[in-house]
Amino acid sequence: MSNIINRSNDAVSQTMSATVSEIKCILEQSRLAVAKQVNQALIATYWKIGETIIKYEQNDQVRAAYGEKTLLQLSKELTKELGKGFSRSNIYNMRQLYLCYPNFQTLSGKLSWSHYCELLGISEPDKRSFYEKECLNSSWSVRELKRQIESSLFERLLLSKGDANKQTVLDLATKGVDYSTPEGMIKDPYVFEFLGIPEDKPMLESDLEKALVRRIEDFLLELGNGFMFVGTQQRVTVNNTHYYVDMVFYNKIIHAYVLFELKTKKLTPEAAGQINMYLNYYAAEVNEPSDNPPIGIILCTDKDDITAEYALGGLSNQIFASRYVLHMPNKEQLIAQVEDVLNNWEKDKNGNT
C-alpha cells in the first residue's frame, strides 16, 4: 500500500514540477516580449524627441542663438518637468539618433538604447554601420560592443585583407563580417588584452594556452561568430607517435574544424609544416562527410610577408598566420594604416585606368 502511495506522490511531484517549469517558461517569454516592446517604444520615443529638437533648431528665430547652452537649458527644463533621463548627453544622443538615422525604419528594435549611444559616438557612417551589423549578427552585449570598438575591429579586419579597397569597406558596412569563407573570418592582429598579461612578460606557449582556456568566453568573442570550443591538446597519432594540437574549435557557419597552433615567437616555416600535418590528419580521420576541409591558424607574435608567403604558399590546406597582441592596439595608428592602404589602392586604380 505504501508503495502505491509513494508512486502516486512521485507522479504528483513530477506533474507539479512540469507545471511549474511550463509556467516559468510562459512568464520568461512574456517578460522578453514586454521588454522588447518597451525597448522599441523607447527607441521610437527618443528618435521622435531628436526630430523635435532638430525642427526647433531649424527655426530661423532661434538658429543664430542656438548652441550648447540651449541643450543644457533644455536638459534642465525637461528634468524639472519629467525627472531623470534627460541629461545634456542623453538629449544630445537623441538629437544624433535622428541625424544619423533620419529614416526611422532603419533602426533595429533588437538593439538597446545603450547600444545606440555607443554607436552614435562613431562619426564615420560606414564604420558605424559595420558595428551595428556585427551587434545584430553576433548578438553583442553593450560591453562587448565597447570592447570591439576600442580594439579597432573595423580597422583590423580591413588591414587583414592585403587588397583592402573601397569595396571592402562597403561590404563590411553593409554585411558585417563574412563568416561563410575562412578568409572572411581571419583577423590580424587578434587582441588578447582580456588575459591581463603584461606585454613584456616572457611566456611559454602552454601558459598562453591555459590563459586562453581560463578566459574561453572572451576568446570566443574575439574569434567571432559561430565558433564552438572543442578542446586543447587534441591528440593526433601518426605511426604510433603522438602529437597534440594546441586548440581546436568547430565553426558551425562554415562547417569546419579550426585548428590553432600557438607560438610565442615570430612565424617560422616549421610551424606551417606542423599544422599542415594536423590538417591532413583531421581531413582523413576526424572529418564527417558533411564537414568542409579543416582550417589552420597559426597565432604568433609577429610575421613578415615574405616568410608567410613561402611558408604557406602552395599548400593544399587552408592555413593562415595571424599576429596576436596582449594590449589594445593604437587606434590612431590603425586608422592611419587603413587610410594609407585605401589611398594607395586609389592611386593604383587611377594609374591603371
Protein backbone atom coordinates (compact mmCIF):
# COMPACT_ATOMS: atom_id res chain seq x y z
CA MET A 1 0.00 0.00 0.00
CA SER A 2 2.82 2.38 0.91
CA ASN A 3 4.48 1.69 -2.47
CA ILE A 4 1.29 2.71 -4.26
CA ILE A 5 1.10 5.92 -2.20
CA ASN A 6 4.78 6.68 -2.88
CA ARG A 7 4.31 6.16 -6.62
CA SER A 8 1.27 8.39 -6.53
CA ASN A 9 3.21 11.11 -4.68
CA ASP A 10 6.04 10.82 -7.19
CA ALA A 11 3.61 11.22 -10.08
CA VAL A 12 2.04 14.28 -8.42
CA SER A 13 5.51 15.72 -7.77
CA GLN A 14 6.58 15.18 -11.38
CA THR A 15 3.38 16.73 -12.69
CA MET A 16 3.80 19.69 -10.33
CA SER A 17 7.42 20.16 -11.44
CA ALA A 18 6.44 20.03 -15.11
CA THR A 19 3.65 22.56 -14.48
CA VAL A 20 5.99 24.94 -12.65
CA SER A 21 8.55 24.67 -15.48
CA GLU A 22 5.89 25.41 -18.08
CA ILE A 23 4.61 28.44 -16.16
CA LYS A 24 8.19 29.72 -15.74
CA CYS A 25 8.71 29.35 -19.48
CA ILE A 26 5.48 31.26 -20.22
CA LEU A 27 6.49 34.09 -17.85
CA GLU A 28 10.01 34.32 -19.27
CA GLN A 29 8.68 34.51 -22.83
CA SER A 30 6.15 37.13 -21.75
CA ARG A 31 8.82 39.21 -19.99
CA LEU A 32 11.06 39.05 -23.06
CA ALA A 33 8.18 40.14 -25.28
CA VAL A 34 7.34 43.03 -22.93
CA ALA A 35 11.00 44.09 -22.70
CA LYS A 36 11.24 44.05 -26.49
CA GLN A 37 8.12 46.21 -26.83
CA VAL A 38 9.38 48.63 -24.17
CA ASN A 39 12.75 48.89 -25.90
CA GLN A 40 11.16 49.54 -29.30
CA ALA A 41 8.89 52.18 -27.77
CA LEU A 42 11.86 53.82 -26.04
CA ILE A 43 13.90 53.98 -29.26
CA ALA A 44 10.90 55.39 -31.14
CA THR A 45 10.31 57.99 -28.42
CA TYR A 46 13.92 59.14 -28.38
CA TRP A 47 14.01 59.32 -32.17
CA LYS A 48 10.88 61.48 -32.12
CA ILE A 49 12.39 63.76 -29.46
CA GLY A 50 15.50 64.07 -31.63
CA GLU A 51 13.33 65.04 -34.59
CA THR A 52 11.59 67.68 -32.48
CA ILE A 53 14.91 69.16 -31.35
CA ILE A 54 16.18 69.37 -34.94
CA LYS A 55 12.98 71.08 -36.06
CA TYR A 56 13.38 73.56 -33.23
CA GLU A 57 16.97 74.26 -34.27
CA GLN A 58 15.88 74.92 -37.85
CA ASN A 59 13.60 77.70 -36.73
CA ASP A 60 15.08 80.92 -38.15
CA GLN A 61 14.37 82.83 -34.95
CA VAL A 62 16.49 80.56 -32.73
CA ARG A 63 19.10 79.29 -35.20
CA ALA A 64 21.51 82.18 -34.66
CA ALA A 65 21.35 81.91 -30.88
CA TYR A 66 21.45 78.12 -30.80
CA GLY A 67 24.42 76.41 -29.17
CA GLU A 68 25.45 74.08 -26.38
CA LYS A 69 23.76 76.34 -23.85
CA THR A 70 20.42 75.62 -25.50
CA LEU A 71 20.84 71.86 -24.98
CA LEU A 72 21.82 72.46 -21.37
CA GLN A 73 18.80 74.69 -20.82
CA LEU A 74 16.52 72.15 -22.48
CA SER A 75 18.01 69.43 -20.27
CA LYS A 76 17.27 71.41 -17.11
CA GLU A 77 13.69 72.17 -18.17
CA LEU A 78 12.91 68.58 -19.13
CA THR A 79 14.49 67.20 -15.95
CA LYS A 80 12.43 69.63 -13.87
CA GLU A 81 9.23 68.67 -15.70
CA LEU A 82 9.77 64.92 -16.31
CA GLY A 83 12.52 63.71 -13.98
CA LYS A 84 15.66 61.68 -14.78
CA GLY A 85 16.73 60.56 -18.25
CA PHE A 86 17.18 63.99 -19.83
CA SER A 87 20.81 64.85 -19.15
CA ARG A 88 22.54 67.01 -21.73
CA SER A 89 24.46 63.99 -23.08
CA ASN A 90 21.29 61.94 -23.38
CA ILE A 91 19.46 64.73 -25.20
CA TYR A 92 22.47 65.15 -27.48
CA ASN A 93 22.29 61.43 -28.31
CA MET A 94 18.57 61.71 -29.09
CA ARG A 95 19.41 64.53 -31.48
CA GLN A 96 22.20 62.45 -33.05
CA LEU A 97 19.89 59.43 -33.36
CA TYR A 98 17.61 61.40 -35.66
CA LEU A 99 20.51 62.89 -37.63
CA CYS A 100 22.25 59.53 -38.15
CA TYR A 101 19.03 57.61 -38.81
CA PRO A 102 16.63 60.08 -40.48
CA ASN A 103 14.60 57.10 -41.69
CA PHE A 104 13.17 55.53 -38.54
CA GLN A 105 12.64 52.20 -40.34
CA THR A 106 16.42 51.66 -40.47
CA LEU A 107 16.61 51.43 -36.67
CA SER A 108 16.63 47.92 -35.22
CA GLY A 109 14.40 47.06 -32.30
CA LYS A 110 16.89 44.32 -31.37
CA LEU A 111 19.44 46.87 -30.16
CA SER A 112 19.01 48.76 -26.93
CA TRP A 113 19.32 52.49 -26.38
CA SER A 114 22.68 51.80 -24.71
CA HIS A 115 23.85 50.09 -27.91
CA TYR A 116 22.84 53.09 -29.97
CA CYS A 117 24.54 55.51 -27.57
CA GLU A 118 27.82 53.66 -28.24
CA LEU A 119 27.21 53.57 -32.00
CA LEU A 120 26.38 57.28 -32.15
CA GLY A 121 29.87 58.03 -30.89
CA ILE A 122 31.24 56.79 -34.24
CA SER A 123 31.28 59.64 -36.73
CA GLU A 124 32.05 57.62 -39.89
CA PRO A 125 28.81 56.16 -41.33
CA ASP A 126 30.50 53.06 -42.83
CA LYS A 127 32.25 52.20 -39.60
CA ARG A 128 29.11 52.80 -37.54
CA SER A 129 27.09 50.62 -39.92
CA PHE A 130 29.66 47.81 -39.59
CA TYR A 131 29.49 47.74 -35.79
CA GLU A 132 25.71 47.89 -35.93
CA LYS A 133 25.61 44.88 -38.29
CA GLU A 134 28.01 42.92 -36.09
CA CYS A 135 25.91 43.71 -33.00
CA LEU A 136 22.94 42.16 -34.74
CA ASN A 137 24.82 39.25 -36.35
CA SER A 138 26.76 38.25 -33.24
CA SER A 139 24.31 39.39 -30.52
CA TRP A 140 26.93 41.55 -28.82
CA SER A 141 26.23 42.94 -25.40
CA VAL A 142 26.92 46.63 -24.85
CA ARG A 143 30.12 45.63 -23.03
CA GLU A 144 31.32 43.58 -25.99
CA LEU A 145 30.43 46.35 -28.44
CA LYS A 146 32.55 48.78 -26.40
CA ARG A 147 35.45 46.33 -26.40
CA GLN A 148 35.31 45.72 -30.15
CA ILE A 149 35.23 49.46 -30.86
CA GLU A 150 38.17 50.01 -28.50
CA SER A 151 40.10 47.15 -30.15
CA SER A 152 39.52 48.76 -33.59
CA LEU A 153 37.93 45.64 -35.07
CA PHE A 154 36.85 47.51 -38.21
CA GLU A 155 40.39 48.63 -38.99
CA ARG A 156 41.89 45.26 -38.05
CA LEU A 157 39.62 43.46 -40.48
CA LEU A 158 40.43 45.89 -43.26
CA LEU A 159 44.17 45.51 -42.67
CA SER A 160 43.81 41.71 -42.58
CA LYS A 161 42.97 41.91 -46.28
CA GLY A 162 46.06 42.96 -48.19
CA ASP A 163 43.98 44.22 -51.13
CA ALA A 164 41.62 46.30 -48.99
CA ASN A 165 39.74 48.86 -51.08
CA LYS A 166 36.57 50.93 -51.04
CA GLN A 167 34.53 47.85 -51.96
CA THR A 168 35.92 46.06 -48.89
CA VAL A 169 34.79 48.98 -46.72
CA LEU A 170 31.36 48.93 -48.34
CA ASP A 171 30.99 45.17 -47.88
CA LEU A 172 31.87 45.39 -44.18
CA ALA A 173 29.47 48.32 -43.73
CA THR A 174 26.53 46.62 -45.43
CA LYS A 175 27.05 42.96 -44.47
CA GLY A 176 29.38 42.85 -41.48
CA VAL A 177 31.94 40.03 -41.30
CA ASP A 178 31.56 37.35 -43.96
CA TYR A 179 31.90 34.17 -41.91
CA SER A 180 30.99 31.98 -44.87
CA THR A 181 34.63 31.88 -46.01
CA PRO A 182 37.81 31.23 -43.99
CA GLU A 183 39.39 34.39 -45.41
CA GLY A 184 36.45 36.45 -44.19
CA MET A 185 36.75 35.40 -40.55
CA ILE A 186 40.52 35.91 -40.14
CA LYS A 187 41.72 38.92 -38.14
CA ASP A 188 45.21 40.37 -37.92
CA PRO A 189 46.05 41.04 -35.21
CA TYR A 190 43.92 39.24 -32.64
CA VAL A 191 43.68 41.20 -29.39
CA PHE A 192 44.02 39.31 -26.09
CA GLU A 193 44.05 42.23 -23.68
CA PHE A 194 41.43 40.40 -21.59
CA LEU A 195 44.15 38.00 -20.40
CA GLY A 196 45.75 40.78 -18.36
CA ILE A 197 49.28 39.65 -19.26
CA PRO A 198 51.94 42.40 -19.42
CA GLU A 199 53.25 42.88 -22.94
CA ASP A 200 56.90 42.43 -21.97
CA LYS A 201 56.41 39.37 -19.73
CA PRO A 202 58.14 36.19 -21.04
CA MET A 203 55.53 33.49 -21.62
CA LEU A 204 55.52 29.83 -22.60
CA GLU A 205 53.08 28.58 -25.24
CA SER A 206 51.49 26.32 -22.61
CA ASP A 207 50.91 29.36 -20.38
CA LEU A 208 49.24 31.24 -23.22
CA GLU A 209 47.02 28.24 -23.90
CA LYS A 210 45.99 27.93 -20.23
CA ALA A 211 45.25 31.64 -20.04
CA LEU A 212 43.03 31.48 -23.14
CA VAL A 213 41.15 28.47 -21.76
CA ARG A 214 40.53 30.28 -18.47
CA ARG A 215 39.01 33.15 -20.44
CA ILE A 216 37.43 30.98 -23.15
CA GLU A 217 34.26 33.08 -23.32
CA ASP A 218 36.27 36.21 -24.11
CA PHE A 219 38.41 34.26 -26.57
CA LEU A 220 35.30 33.03 -28.41
CA LEU A 221 34.00 36.59 -28.66
CA GLU A 222 37.33 37.73 -30.12
CA LEU A 223 37.30 34.87 -32.65
CA GLY A 224 33.88 35.90 -33.90
CA ASN A 225 30.55 34.34 -34.77
CA GLY A 226 29.92 30.59 -34.99
CA PHE A 227 32.93 29.23 -33.06
CA MET A 228 32.47 26.33 -30.64
CA PHE A 229 35.28 25.15 -28.36
CA VAL A 230 36.29 21.51 -28.82
CA GLY A 231 39.35 21.28 -26.57
CA THR A 232 43.06 21.76 -26.01
CA GLN A 233 45.96 19.40 -26.67
CA GLN A 234 43.87 17.26 -29.01
CA ARG A 235 45.86 14.13 -29.83
CA VAL A 236 46.97 13.31 -33.36
CA THR A 237 48.61 9.88 -33.73
CA VAL A 238 50.78 9.11 -36.75
CA ASN A 239 52.80 5.85 -36.91
CA ASN A 240 52.41 5.30 -33.15
CA THR A 241 53.78 8.78 -32.43
CA HIS A 242 51.52 11.19 -30.56
CA TYR A 243 51.30 14.86 -31.45
CA TYR A 244 48.99 17.42 -29.91
CA VAL A 245 47.05 20.31 -31.47
CA ASP A 246 47.14 23.32 -29.14
CA MET A 247 43.48 24.34 -29.51
CA VAL A 248 40.63 23.01 -31.65
CA PHE A 249 37.34 24.75 -32.44
CA TYR A 250 34.45 23.96 -34.75
CA ASN A 251 32.80 26.72 -36.74
CA LYS A 252 29.14 25.93 -37.33
CA ILE A 253 28.77 28.57 -40.06
CA ILE A 254 31.42 27.19 -42.39
CA HIS A 255 31.01 23.60 -41.04
CA ALA A 256 34.71 23.08 -40.47
CA TYR A 257 37.20 22.33 -37.71
CA VAL A 258 39.54 25.23 -36.97
CA LEU A 259 42.91 24.24 -35.54
CA PHE A 260 45.07 26.77 -33.69
CA GLU A 261 48.80 26.50 -33.23
CA LEU A 262 50.06 28.93 -30.57
CA LYS A 263 53.52 30.43 -30.90
CA THR A 264 55.07 32.91 -28.50
CA LYS A 265 57.55 33.96 -31.17
CA LYS A 266 57.70 35.02 -34.80
CA LEU A 267 56.19 32.86 -37.56
CA THR A 268 58.52 30.07 -38.72
CA PRO A 269 58.23 27.63 -41.67
CA GLU A 270 58.32 24.74 -39.17
CA ALA A 271 55.04 25.91 -37.64
CA ALA A 272 53.39 25.79 -41.07
CA GLY A 273 54.60 22.23 -41.67
CA GLN A 274 53.40 21.14 -38.25
CA ILE A 275 49.86 22.45 -38.61
CA ASN A 276 49.68 21.20 -42.19
CA MET A 277 50.20 17.66 -40.87
CA TYR A 278 47.44 18.16 -38.30
CA LEU A 279 45.04 19.36 -41.02
CA ASN A 280 45.77 16.32 -43.18
CA TYR A 281 45.03 14.08 -40.20
CA TYR A 282 41.77 15.83 -39.38
CA ALA A 283 40.64 15.70 -43.02
CA ALA A 284 41.30 11.96 -43.17
CA GLU A 285 40.48 10.75 -39.65
CA VAL A 286 38.17 13.22 -37.91
CA ASN A 287 36.02 14.96 -40.52
CA GLU A 288 32.48 13.75 -41.14
CA PRO A 289 31.25 13.59 -44.76
CA SER A 290 29.23 16.76 -44.18
CA ASP A 291 32.27 18.72 -42.90
CA ASN A 292 34.28 21.08 -45.05
CA PRO A 293 38.10 20.81 -45.08
CA PRO A 294 39.65 21.88 -41.76
CA ILE A 295 41.34 25.26 -41.40
CA GLY A 296 44.60 26.04 -39.65
CA ILE A 297 45.52 29.30 -37.93
CA ILE A 298 48.99 29.97 -36.57
CA LEU A 299 48.86 32.62 -33.86
CA CYS A 300 52.27 34.25 -33.49
CA THR A 301 53.74 37.39 -32.03
CA ASP A 302 54.97 38.63 -35.40
CA LYS A 303 55.33 37.67 -39.05
CA ASP A 304 56.79 39.09 -42.21
CA ASP A 305 55.10 38.86 -45.58
CA ILE A 306 57.95 37.06 -47.33
CA THR A 307 58.23 34.28 -44.73
CA ALA A 308 54.45 33.88 -44.70
CA GLU A 309 54.35 33.71 -48.50
CA TYR A 310 56.99 30.99 -48.76
CA ALA A 311 55.86 29.04 -45.67
CA LEU A 312 52.17 28.98 -46.54
CA GLY A 313 52.22 29.16 -50.34
CA GLY A 314 51.45 26.08 -52.44
CA LEU A 315 49.85 24.09 -49.61
CA SER A 316 46.61 22.31 -50.43
CA ASN A 317 45.24 23.01 -46.95
CA GLN A 318 43.95 26.41 -45.87
CA ILE A 319 46.46 27.81 -43.38
CA PHE A 320 46.59 31.39 -42.14
CA ALA A 321 49.12 33.17 -39.96
CA SER A 322 47.85 35.96 -37.70
CA ARG A 323 49.57 38.03 -35.10
CA TYR A 324 48.22 38.47 -31.60
CA VAL A 325 48.81 41.31 -29.18
CA LEU A 326 48.32 41.44 -25.41
CA HIS A 327 47.18 45.06 -25.34
CA MET A 328 44.74 47.26 -27.16
CA PRO A 329 46.25 48.43 -30.45
CA ASN A 330 46.87 52.13 -31.04
CA LYS A 331 43.65 53.22 -32.70
CA GLU A 332 45.12 56.27 -34.39
CA GLN A 333 47.92 54.22 -35.95
CA LEU A 334 45.48 51.61 -37.26
CA ILE A 335 43.25 54.29 -38.77
CA ALA A 336 46.28 55.89 -40.42
CA GLN A 337 47.34 52.49 -41.82
CA VAL A 338 43.87 51.91 -43.26
CA GLU A 339 43.89 55.34 -44.87
CA ASP A 340 47.31 54.61 -46.41
CA VAL A 341 46.10 51.28 -47.83
CA LEU A 342 42.98 52.88 -49.33
CA ASN A 343 44.91 55.85 -50.71
CA ASN A 344 47.49 53.56 -52.34
CA TRP A 345 44.69 51.44 -53.80
CA GLU A 346 43.06 54.58 -55.20
CA LYS A 347 46.36 55.71 -56.77
CA ASP A 348 46.97 52.27 -58.31
CA LYS A 349 43.44 52.17 -59.62
CA ASN A 350 43.71 55.61 -61.23
CA GLY A 351 47.14 54.78 -62.60
CA ASN A 352 45.84 51.64 -64.30
CA THR A 353 42.83 53.30 -65.87
